[in-house]
């Protein structure tokens, strides 16, 4: 997932859906796609992942200095152009907030989004659909 723009086509090639990918990432203790710099689906069926440099394992001292968490983990709010209103409600957010975030990111419609998740710091990670 070096470039988020190729995620959708890469998933199609490997015959994975977004939920299967998220499950494989969680097995690697990665709970947010925004933390992934690069991922390779190996021929053995396993996933090899390189985290972004600033998301690699931290020391206890590093963890004590991080007090900006708003949410416990990254949470899916859009999958294949559809808003997950249950997750938004659990995060005490709504579709108005989501629409505003998308507009700020230059996204005109939910249908343009392949996947989006709210990060622990409250920001929104967006992967747009790649319609060729």
N, C-alpha and C. Protein backbone atom coordinates (compact mmCIF):
# COMPACT_ATOMS: atom_id res chain seq x y z
N UNK A 1 0.82 -1.17 0.00
CA UNK A 1 0.00 0.00 0.00
C UNK A 1 0.87 1.25 0.00
N UNK A 2 1.98 1.19 -0.67
CA UNK A 2 2.89 2.32 -0.76
C UNK A 2 2.14 3.56 -1.23
N UNK A 3 1.27 3.41 -2.17
CA UNK A 3 0.48 4.52 -2.68
C UNK A 3 -0.99 4.14 -2.54
N UNK A 4 -1.73 4.89 -1.73
CA UNK A 4 -3.12 4.58 -1.47
C UNK A 4 -3.96 4.51 -2.74
N UNK A 5 -3.50 5.14 -3.82
CA UNK A 5 -4.26 5.17 -5.06
C UNK A 5 -4.30 3.82 -5.74
N UNK A 6 -3.44 2.90 -5.37
CA UNK A 6 -3.43 1.60 -6.03
C UNK A 6 -4.02 0.50 -5.14
N UNK A 7 -4.49 0.87 -3.94
CA UNK A 7 -4.98 -0.15 -3.02
C UNK A 7 -6.15 -0.93 -3.60
N UNK A 8 -7.12 -0.25 -4.16
CA UNK A 8 -8.31 -0.93 -4.66
C UNK A 8 -7.96 -1.95 -5.74
N UNK A 9 -7.14 -1.57 -6.71
CA UNK A 9 -6.77 -2.50 -7.78
C UNK A 9 -5.90 -3.64 -7.25
N UNK A 10 -5.04 -3.34 -6.27
CA UNK A 10 -4.20 -4.39 -5.69
C UNK A 10 -5.05 -5.41 -4.95
N UNK A 11 -6.08 -4.95 -4.25
CA UNK A 11 -6.98 -5.88 -3.56
C UNK A 11 -7.70 -6.77 -4.57
N UNK A 12 -8.12 -6.17 -5.68
CA UNK A 12 -8.79 -6.97 -6.71
C UNK A 12 -7.86 -8.07 -7.22
N UNK A 13 -6.60 -7.71 -7.48
CA UNK A 13 -5.64 -8.68 -8.02
C UNK A 13 -5.40 -9.84 -7.05
N UNK A 14 -5.36 -9.54 -5.75
CA UNK A 14 -5.11 -10.58 -4.75
C UNK A 14 -6.39 -11.26 -4.29
N UNK A 15 -7.53 -10.79 -4.80
CA UNK A 15 -8.85 -11.33 -4.45
C UNK A 15 -9.14 -11.20 -2.95
N UNK A 16 -8.68 -10.10 -2.38
CA UNK A 16 -8.96 -9.79 -0.99
C UNK A 16 -10.00 -8.69 -0.94
N UNK A 17 -10.84 -8.69 0.09
CA UNK A 17 -11.69 -7.54 0.31
C UNK A 17 -11.09 -6.71 1.43
N UNK A 18 -11.62 -5.54 1.66
CA UNK A 18 -11.05 -4.62 2.64
C UNK A 18 -11.07 -5.21 4.05
N UNK A 19 -12.12 -5.97 4.38
CA UNK A 19 -12.21 -6.57 5.71
C UNK A 19 -11.12 -7.63 5.92
N UNK A 20 -10.82 -8.41 4.89
CA UNK A 20 -9.75 -9.41 4.99
C UNK A 20 -8.40 -8.73 5.16
N UNK A 21 -8.18 -7.65 4.43
CA UNK A 21 -6.92 -6.92 4.56
C UNK A 21 -6.79 -6.34 5.97
N UNK A 22 -7.86 -5.75 6.49
CA UNK A 22 -7.81 -5.18 7.84
C UNK A 22 -7.53 -6.27 8.87
N UNK A 23 -8.09 -7.45 8.66
CA UNK A 23 -7.85 -8.57 9.57
C UNK A 23 -6.38 -8.98 9.53
N UNK A 24 -5.81 -9.08 8.33
CA UNK A 24 -4.39 -9.43 8.20
C UNK A 24 -3.50 -8.37 8.85
N UNK A 25 -3.87 -7.11 8.71
CA UNK A 25 -3.09 -6.04 9.34
C UNK A 25 -3.17 -6.13 10.86
N UNK A 26 -4.37 -6.40 11.39
CA UNK A 26 -4.51 -6.52 12.85
C UNK A 26 -3.66 -7.66 13.38
N UNK A 27 -3.50 -8.74 12.61
CA UNK A 27 -2.64 -9.84 13.03
C UNK A 27 -1.19 -9.39 13.15
N UNK A 28 -0.86 -8.30 12.48
CA UNK A 28 0.48 -7.71 12.55
C UNK A 28 0.52 -6.54 13.55
N UNK A 29 -0.54 -6.42 14.37
CA UNK A 29 -0.68 -5.32 15.34
C UNK A 29 -0.72 -3.95 14.66
N UNK A 30 -1.34 -3.90 13.51
CA UNK A 30 -1.54 -2.64 12.80
C UNK A 30 -3.05 -2.42 12.73
N UNK A 31 -3.50 -1.36 13.39
CA UNK A 31 -4.93 -1.12 13.52
C UNK A 31 -5.40 0.06 12.67
N UNK A 32 -4.51 0.62 11.88
CA UNK A 32 -4.87 1.73 11.00
C UNK A 32 -4.09 1.60 9.69
N UNK A 33 -4.82 1.70 8.58
CA UNK A 33 -4.14 1.63 7.29
C UNK A 33 -3.22 2.82 7.07
N UNK A 34 -3.50 3.91 7.75
CA UNK A 34 -2.66 5.09 7.61
C UNK A 34 -1.26 4.85 8.16
N UNK A 35 -1.09 3.81 8.98
CA UNK A 35 0.22 3.49 9.55
C UNK A 35 1.11 2.69 8.59
N UNK A 36 0.55 2.22 7.49
CA UNK A 36 1.26 1.34 6.57
C UNK A 36 1.97 2.15 5.49
N UNK A 37 3.27 1.93 5.38
CA UNK A 37 4.04 2.55 4.31
C UNK A 37 3.99 1.66 3.08
N UNK A 38 4.12 0.35 3.29
CA UNK A 38 4.19 -0.59 2.18
C UNK A 38 3.73 -1.95 2.65
N UNK A 39 2.94 -2.64 1.84
CA UNK A 39 2.49 -3.99 2.18
C UNK A 39 2.61 -4.88 0.94
N UNK A 40 3.04 -6.12 1.19
CA UNK A 40 3.19 -7.10 0.10
C UNK A 40 2.43 -8.35 0.49
N UNK A 41 1.52 -8.78 -0.38
CA UNK A 41 0.82 -10.04 -0.18
C UNK A 41 1.68 -11.12 -0.80
N UNK A 42 2.30 -11.92 0.06
CA UNK A 42 3.26 -12.93 -0.38
C UNK A 42 2.54 -14.12 -1.04
N UNK A 43 3.28 -14.88 -1.87
CA UNK A 43 2.69 -16.05 -2.54
C UNK A 43 2.27 -17.12 -1.53
N UNK A 44 2.84 -17.06 -0.33
CA UNK A 44 2.47 -18.01 0.72
C UNK A 44 1.11 -17.69 1.33
N UNK A 45 0.55 -16.51 0.98
CA UNK A 45 -0.72 -16.09 1.55
C UNK A 45 -0.56 -15.18 2.76
N UNK A 46 0.69 -14.94 3.18
CA UNK A 46 0.94 -14.06 4.31
C UNK A 46 1.15 -12.63 3.83
N UNK A 47 0.95 -11.71 4.73
CA UNK A 47 1.12 -10.30 4.43
C UNK A 47 2.39 -9.79 5.10
N UNK A 48 3.27 -9.17 4.33
CA UNK A 48 4.46 -8.52 4.87
C UNK A 48 4.17 -7.02 4.87
N UNK A 49 4.48 -6.38 5.99
CA UNK A 49 4.12 -4.96 6.13
C UNK A 49 5.30 -4.16 6.64
N UNK A 50 5.50 -2.99 6.04
CA UNK A 50 6.46 -2.02 6.55
C UNK A 50 5.64 -0.82 7.03
N UNK A 51 5.76 -0.54 8.33
CA UNK A 51 5.06 0.61 8.88
C UNK A 51 5.78 1.89 8.48
N UNK A 52 5.02 2.98 8.46
CA UNK A 52 5.65 4.28 8.26
C UNK A 52 6.63 4.50 9.39
N UNK A 53 7.70 5.22 9.10
CA UNK A 53 8.77 5.38 10.07
C UNK A 53 8.26 5.93 11.40
N UNK A 54 7.37 6.90 11.34
CA UNK A 54 6.88 7.51 12.57
C UNK A 54 5.84 6.63 13.28
N UNK A 55 5.51 5.47 12.72
CA UNK A 55 4.55 4.55 13.33
C UNK A 55 5.20 3.26 13.81
N UNK A 56 6.52 3.18 13.71
CA UNK A 56 7.21 1.99 14.16
C UNK A 56 7.25 1.96 15.68
N UNK A 57 7.55 0.82 16.24
CA UNK A 57 7.50 0.60 17.67
C UNK A 57 8.16 1.73 18.45
N UNK A 58 7.47 2.14 19.50
CA UNK A 58 7.96 3.22 20.34
C UNK A 58 8.35 2.67 21.71
N UNK A 59 9.16 3.43 22.40
CA UNK A 59 9.54 3.06 23.76
C UNK A 59 8.46 3.54 24.73
N UNK A 60 8.52 3.10 25.99
CA UNK A 60 7.56 3.56 26.99
C UNK A 60 7.67 5.07 27.15
N UNK A 61 8.86 5.61 27.08
CA UNK A 61 9.04 7.05 27.20
C UNK A 61 8.33 7.78 26.07
N UNK A 62 8.44 7.22 24.86
CA UNK A 62 7.74 7.82 23.72
C UNK A 62 6.24 7.80 23.95
N UNK A 63 5.74 6.69 24.46
CA UNK A 63 4.30 6.54 24.68
C UNK A 63 3.78 7.51 25.73
N UNK A 64 4.57 7.80 26.75
CA UNK A 64 4.13 8.73 27.79
C UNK A 64 3.98 10.15 27.25
N UNK A 65 4.73 10.48 26.20
CA UNK A 65 4.65 11.82 25.66
C UNK A 65 3.50 11.99 24.67
N UNK A 66 2.85 10.89 24.31
CA UNK A 66 1.73 10.96 23.37
C UNK A 66 0.41 11.05 24.14
N UNK A 67 -0.10 12.24 24.27
CA UNK A 67 -1.35 12.40 25.01
C UNK A 67 -2.45 13.02 24.16
N UNK A 68 -2.30 12.94 22.84
CA UNK A 68 -3.27 13.57 21.95
C UNK A 68 -4.33 12.61 21.43
N UNK A 69 -4.44 11.42 21.99
CA UNK A 69 -5.44 10.47 21.52
C UNK A 69 -6.84 10.95 21.85
N UNK A 70 -7.70 10.95 20.84
CA UNK A 70 -9.10 11.31 21.01
C UNK A 70 -9.95 10.03 21.00
N UNK A 71 -9.56 9.05 20.16
CA UNK A 71 -10.27 7.79 20.01
C UNK A 71 -9.29 6.65 20.30
N UNK A 72 -9.80 5.51 20.81
CA UNK A 72 -8.90 4.41 21.19
C UNK A 72 -8.15 3.77 20.03
N UNK A 73 -8.82 3.54 18.90
CA UNK A 73 -8.17 2.94 17.73
C UNK A 73 -8.74 3.57 16.47
N UNK A 74 -8.06 3.37 15.36
CA UNK A 74 -8.59 3.83 14.07
C UNK A 74 -9.88 3.07 13.79
N UNK A 75 -10.90 3.79 13.31
CA UNK A 75 -12.22 3.20 13.13
C UNK A 75 -12.75 3.48 11.73
N UNK A 76 -13.18 2.44 11.04
CA UNK A 76 -13.73 2.56 9.69
C UNK A 76 -15.00 3.40 9.72
N UNK A 77 -15.09 4.37 8.80
CA UNK A 77 -16.31 5.16 8.68
C UNK A 77 -16.88 5.15 7.26
N UNK A 78 -16.07 4.73 6.28
CA UNK A 78 -16.55 4.56 4.91
C UNK A 78 -15.93 3.29 4.34
N UNK A 79 -16.76 2.46 3.73
CA UNK A 79 -16.28 1.28 3.01
C UNK A 79 -17.00 1.22 1.68
N UNK A 80 -16.24 1.23 0.60
CA UNK A 80 -16.75 1.15 -0.76
C UNK A 80 -17.88 2.15 -1.02
N UNK A 81 -17.64 3.41 -0.61
CA UNK A 81 -18.58 4.48 -0.90
C UNK A 81 -19.79 4.57 0.02
N UNK A 82 -19.82 3.75 1.07
CA UNK A 82 -20.96 3.75 1.99
C UNK A 82 -20.49 4.12 3.39
N UNK A 83 -21.18 5.08 3.99
CA UNK A 83 -20.83 5.51 5.34
C UNK A 83 -21.26 4.45 6.35
N UNK A 84 -20.42 4.21 7.34
CA UNK A 84 -20.74 3.30 8.44
C UNK A 84 -21.29 4.15 9.58
N UNK A 85 -22.61 4.34 9.58
CA UNK A 85 -23.24 5.23 10.56
C UNK A 85 -23.16 4.67 11.97
N UNK A 86 -23.10 3.35 12.12
CA UNK A 86 -22.96 2.76 13.46
C UNK A 86 -21.63 3.19 14.09
N UNK A 87 -20.55 3.11 13.32
CA UNK A 87 -19.24 3.51 13.83
C UNK A 87 -19.19 5.01 14.09
N UNK A 88 -19.80 5.80 13.21
CA UNK A 88 -19.85 7.25 13.43
C UNK A 88 -20.55 7.56 14.75
N UNK A 89 -21.67 6.89 14.99
CA UNK A 89 -22.43 7.11 16.23
C UNK A 89 -21.61 6.73 17.45
N UNK A 90 -20.90 5.60 17.38
CA UNK A 90 -20.07 5.17 18.50
C UNK A 90 -18.95 6.17 18.79
N UNK A 91 -18.49 6.85 17.74
CA UNK A 91 -17.44 7.85 17.90
C UNK A 91 -18.01 9.23 18.27
N UNK A 92 -19.35 9.28 18.39
CA UNK A 92 -20.06 10.53 18.66
C UNK A 92 -19.84 11.55 17.54
N UNK A 93 -19.83 11.04 16.31
CA UNK A 93 -19.73 11.85 15.11
C UNK A 93 -20.97 11.60 14.27
N UNK A 94 -21.16 12.40 13.22
CA UNK A 94 -22.31 12.19 12.34
C UNK A 94 -21.92 12.40 10.89
N UNK A 95 -22.89 12.20 9.99
CA UNK A 95 -22.61 12.33 8.56
C UNK A 95 -22.28 13.77 8.17
N UNK A 96 -22.80 14.74 8.93
CA UNK A 96 -22.43 16.14 8.65
C UNK A 96 -20.93 16.35 8.87
N UNK A 97 -20.41 15.81 9.97
CA UNK A 97 -18.97 15.90 10.24
C UNK A 97 -18.19 15.22 9.12
N UNK A 98 -18.65 14.04 8.73
CA UNK A 98 -17.97 13.27 7.68
C UNK A 98 -17.98 14.04 6.36
N UNK A 99 -19.13 14.60 5.98
CA UNK A 99 -19.22 15.38 4.75
C UNK A 99 -18.26 16.57 4.78
N UNK A 100 -18.17 17.23 5.92
CA UNK A 100 -17.29 18.38 6.07
C UNK A 100 -15.82 17.96 5.89
N UNK A 101 -15.45 16.83 6.50
CA UNK A 101 -14.08 16.33 6.37
C UNK A 101 -13.75 15.98 4.92
N UNK A 102 -14.71 15.35 4.25
CA UNK A 102 -14.50 14.98 2.85
C UNK A 102 -14.34 16.23 1.98
N UNK A 103 -15.18 17.24 2.21
CA UNK A 103 -15.08 18.48 1.44
C UNK A 103 -13.72 19.13 1.64
N UNK A 104 -13.24 19.15 2.89
CA UNK A 104 -11.92 19.74 3.17
C UNK A 104 -10.81 18.99 2.45
N UNK A 105 -11.02 17.70 2.20
CA UNK A 105 -10.02 16.88 1.51
C UNK A 105 -10.22 16.92 -0.01
N UNK A 106 -11.20 17.68 -0.48
CA UNK A 106 -11.44 17.79 -1.91
C UNK A 106 -12.25 16.65 -2.50
N UNK A 107 -12.93 15.89 -1.65
CA UNK A 107 -13.76 14.78 -2.10
C UNK A 107 -15.19 15.29 -2.20
N UNK A 108 -15.79 15.12 -3.38
CA UNK A 108 -17.12 15.67 -3.61
C UNK A 108 -18.26 14.76 -3.16
N UNK A 109 -18.00 13.46 -3.11
CA UNK A 109 -19.08 12.52 -2.82
C UNK A 109 -18.54 11.27 -2.12
N UNK A 110 -19.38 10.68 -1.27
CA UNK A 110 -19.03 9.40 -0.63
C UNK A 110 -18.67 8.34 -1.67
N UNK A 111 -19.35 8.38 -2.81
CA UNK A 111 -19.13 7.36 -3.84
C UNK A 111 -17.72 7.38 -4.39
N UNK A 112 -16.97 8.47 -4.17
CA UNK A 112 -15.57 8.56 -4.62
C UNK A 112 -14.60 7.86 -3.68
N UNK A 113 -15.08 7.46 -2.49
CA UNK A 113 -14.20 6.94 -1.44
C UNK A 113 -14.28 5.42 -1.39
N UNK A 114 -13.11 4.78 -1.50
CA UNK A 114 -13.04 3.33 -1.34
C UNK A 114 -13.06 2.96 0.14
N UNK A 115 -12.29 3.70 0.95
CA UNK A 115 -12.18 3.39 2.37
C UNK A 115 -11.76 4.65 3.12
N UNK A 116 -12.34 4.84 4.30
CA UNK A 116 -11.90 5.95 5.16
C UNK A 116 -12.05 5.52 6.61
N UNK A 117 -11.11 6.00 7.44
CA UNK A 117 -11.16 5.69 8.86
C UNK A 117 -10.76 6.91 9.67
N UNK A 118 -11.38 7.04 10.83
CA UNK A 118 -11.02 8.10 11.76
C UNK A 118 -9.83 7.60 12.56
N UNK A 119 -8.77 8.40 12.59
CA UNK A 119 -7.55 8.07 13.31
C UNK A 119 -7.71 8.36 14.80
N UNK A 120 -6.89 7.74 15.65
CA UNK A 120 -6.97 8.01 17.09
C UNK A 120 -6.86 9.49 17.45
N UNK A 121 -6.17 10.28 16.60
CA UNK A 121 -6.05 11.71 16.90
C UNK A 121 -7.22 12.53 16.36
N UNK A 122 -8.21 11.87 15.75
CA UNK A 122 -9.40 12.55 15.27
C UNK A 122 -9.35 12.94 13.81
N UNK A 123 -8.21 12.73 13.14
CA UNK A 123 -8.12 13.05 11.72
C UNK A 123 -8.74 11.92 10.90
N UNK A 124 -8.99 12.20 9.62
CA UNK A 124 -9.62 11.23 8.74
C UNK A 124 -8.63 10.76 7.68
N UNK A 125 -8.40 9.45 7.60
CA UNK A 125 -7.59 8.84 6.54
C UNK A 125 -8.55 8.45 5.42
N UNK A 126 -8.24 8.85 4.18
CA UNK A 126 -9.13 8.60 3.03
C UNK A 126 -8.35 7.92 1.93
N UNK A 127 -8.92 6.84 1.38
CA UNK A 127 -8.39 6.22 0.17
C UNK A 127 -9.49 6.30 -0.88
N UNK A 128 -9.26 7.08 -1.94
CA UNK A 128 -10.25 7.24 -3.00
C UNK A 128 -10.31 6.02 -3.90
N UNK A 129 -11.47 5.84 -4.51
CA UNK A 129 -11.63 4.77 -5.49
C UNK A 129 -10.80 5.10 -6.71
N UNK A 130 -10.30 4.08 -7.36
CA UNK A 130 -9.53 4.24 -8.59
C UNK A 130 -10.32 3.62 -9.73
N UNK A 131 -11.21 4.38 -10.29
CA UNK A 131 -12.03 3.88 -11.40
C UNK A 131 -11.28 4.11 -12.70
N UNK A 132 -10.84 3.02 -13.29
CA UNK A 132 -10.06 3.12 -14.53
C UNK A 132 -10.97 3.06 -15.72
